[in-house]
């Protein structure tokens, strides 16, 4: 038996007081080389990229470094996998590191 609503493309809905934001939460526990790979696709067997109809943000937690990335859907550019480099400031997703203010 699956919980009701298990097929929603988002994990959390935030009420900012001005709007509702749908957020998908992902995590990575083990780096591959110097980067963490985070699944940014939806679907059990066939992955497809998230769209603006699915979510507003993807929140990625890199567990060993205790670092969060708050990434707007527009920055995903239809990727199904993200490579996050917390030690490299030149990483394309660096501007979204700990970018909690984007959820306000």
Protein backbone atom coordinates (compact mmCIF):
# COMPACT_ATOMS: atom_id res chain seq x y z
CA UNK A 1 0.00 0.00 0.00
CA UNK A 2 1.31 3.46 -0.90
CA UNK A 3 0.45 6.61 1.02
CA UNK A 4 -2.18 8.83 -0.54
CA UNK A 5 -0.59 11.57 -2.63
CA UNK A 6 2.64 9.65 -3.16
CA UNK A 7 2.59 10.54 -6.86
CA UNK A 8 2.87 14.32 -6.37
CA UNK A 9 6.00 15.78 -7.99
CA UNK A 10 6.79 17.82 -4.86
CA UNK A 11 7.54 16.91 -1.25
CA UNK A 12 6.67 20.16 0.51
CA UNK A 13 4.34 23.09 -0.10
CA UNK A 14 5.44 26.32 1.55
CA UNK A 15 3.04 29.17 2.29
CA UNK A 16 5.10 32.36 2.15
CA UNK A 17 2.10 34.53 2.98
CA UNK A 18 2.07 35.80 -0.60
CA UNK A 19 2.12 32.53 -2.53
CA UNK A 20 2.41 28.77 -2.27
CA UNK A 21 5.68 27.17 -3.40
CA UNK A 22 6.05 23.51 -4.36
CA UNK A 23 9.48 22.17 -3.37
CA UNK A 24 11.03 18.82 -4.20
CA UNK A 25 13.61 17.73 -1.61
CA UNK A 26 16.56 15.54 -2.60
CA UNK A 27 19.70 14.45 -0.78
CA UNK A 28 23.09 12.94 -1.49
CA UNK A 29 25.14 11.03 1.06
CA UNK A 30 28.23 10.02 -0.91
CA UNK A 31 30.32 12.14 -3.26
CA UNK A 32 31.55 10.80 -6.57
CA UNK A 33 34.99 12.29 -6.81
CA UNK A 34 34.66 15.93 -5.78
CA UNK A 35 30.97 16.25 -6.66
CA UNK A 36 27.66 14.99 -5.37
CA UNK A 37 25.14 13.69 -7.87
CA UNK A 38 21.54 14.57 -7.15
CA UNK A 39 18.62 13.09 -9.00
CA UNK A 40 16.61 15.95 -10.52
CA UNK A 41 14.21 13.80 -12.51
CA UNK A 42 10.82 12.40 -11.69
CA UNK A 43 9.35 9.01 -12.40
CA UNK A 44 10.04 5.61 -10.96
CA UNK A 45 11.39 3.78 -14.02
CA UNK A 46 11.75 6.39 -16.72
CA UNK A 47 13.14 9.67 -15.41
CA UNK A 48 11.97 12.91 -16.90
CA UNK A 49 13.03 16.39 -15.89
CA UNK A 50 10.91 18.50 -13.57
CA UNK A 51 9.05 21.38 -15.16
CA UNK A 52 7.57 24.63 -13.85
CA UNK A 53 4.22 22.81 -13.81
CA UNK A 54 5.67 20.29 -11.31
CA UNK A 55 7.72 22.36 -8.84
CA UNK A 56 9.01 25.84 -8.13
CA UNK A 57 12.25 24.78 -6.40
CA UNK A 58 14.47 21.78 -5.85
CA UNK A 59 16.11 21.69 -2.42
CA UNK A 60 19.22 19.49 -2.37
CA UNK A 61 20.91 18.51 0.90
CA UNK A 62 24.50 17.25 0.77
CA UNK A 63 24.46 15.28 3.99
CA UNK A 64 28.18 14.88 4.85
CA UNK A 65 28.86 18.60 4.27
CA UNK A 66 25.52 19.71 5.76
CA UNK A 67 25.06 22.06 2.81
CA UNK A 68 21.75 22.94 1.18
CA UNK A 69 21.11 24.19 -2.34
CA UNK A 70 17.80 25.95 -3.03
CA UNK A 71 17.56 25.81 -6.81
CA UNK A 72 14.75 27.44 -8.80
CA UNK A 73 13.21 25.36 -11.55
CA UNK A 74 14.48 27.79 -14.19
CA UNK A 75 18.08 26.98 -13.21
CA UNK A 76 17.60 23.24 -13.68
CA UNK A 77 17.25 23.68 -17.45
CA UNK A 78 15.54 20.31 -17.84
CA UNK A 79 18.45 18.39 -16.30
CA UNK A 80 17.67 15.01 -14.75
CA UNK A 81 20.92 14.85 -12.77
CA UNK A 82 22.78 17.62 -10.98
CA UNK A 83 26.45 17.59 -10.09
CA UNK A 84 27.02 19.79 -7.06
CA UNK A 85 30.53 20.81 -6.04
CA UNK A 86 30.34 22.46 -2.59
CA UNK A 87 34.08 23.22 -2.58
CA UNK A 88 34.12 24.94 -5.99
CA UNK A 89 32.81 28.52 -6.16
CA UNK A 90 32.68 28.23 -9.96
CA UNK A 91 30.03 25.50 -9.86
CA UNK A 92 26.98 26.63 -11.87
CA UNK A 93 24.79 26.05 -8.82
CA UNK A 94 27.02 27.96 -6.36
CA UNK A 95 24.66 30.99 -6.32
CA UNK A 96 21.98 28.71 -4.87
CA UNK A 97 24.05 27.39 -1.99
CA UNK A 98 22.14 28.14 1.22
CA UNK A 99 19.88 30.45 -0.82
CA UNK A 100 17.00 30.23 1.64
CA UNK A 101 16.02 33.81 0.85
CA UNK A 102 14.64 32.60 -2.50
CA UNK A 103 11.80 30.92 -0.61
CA UNK A 104 10.55 34.19 0.89
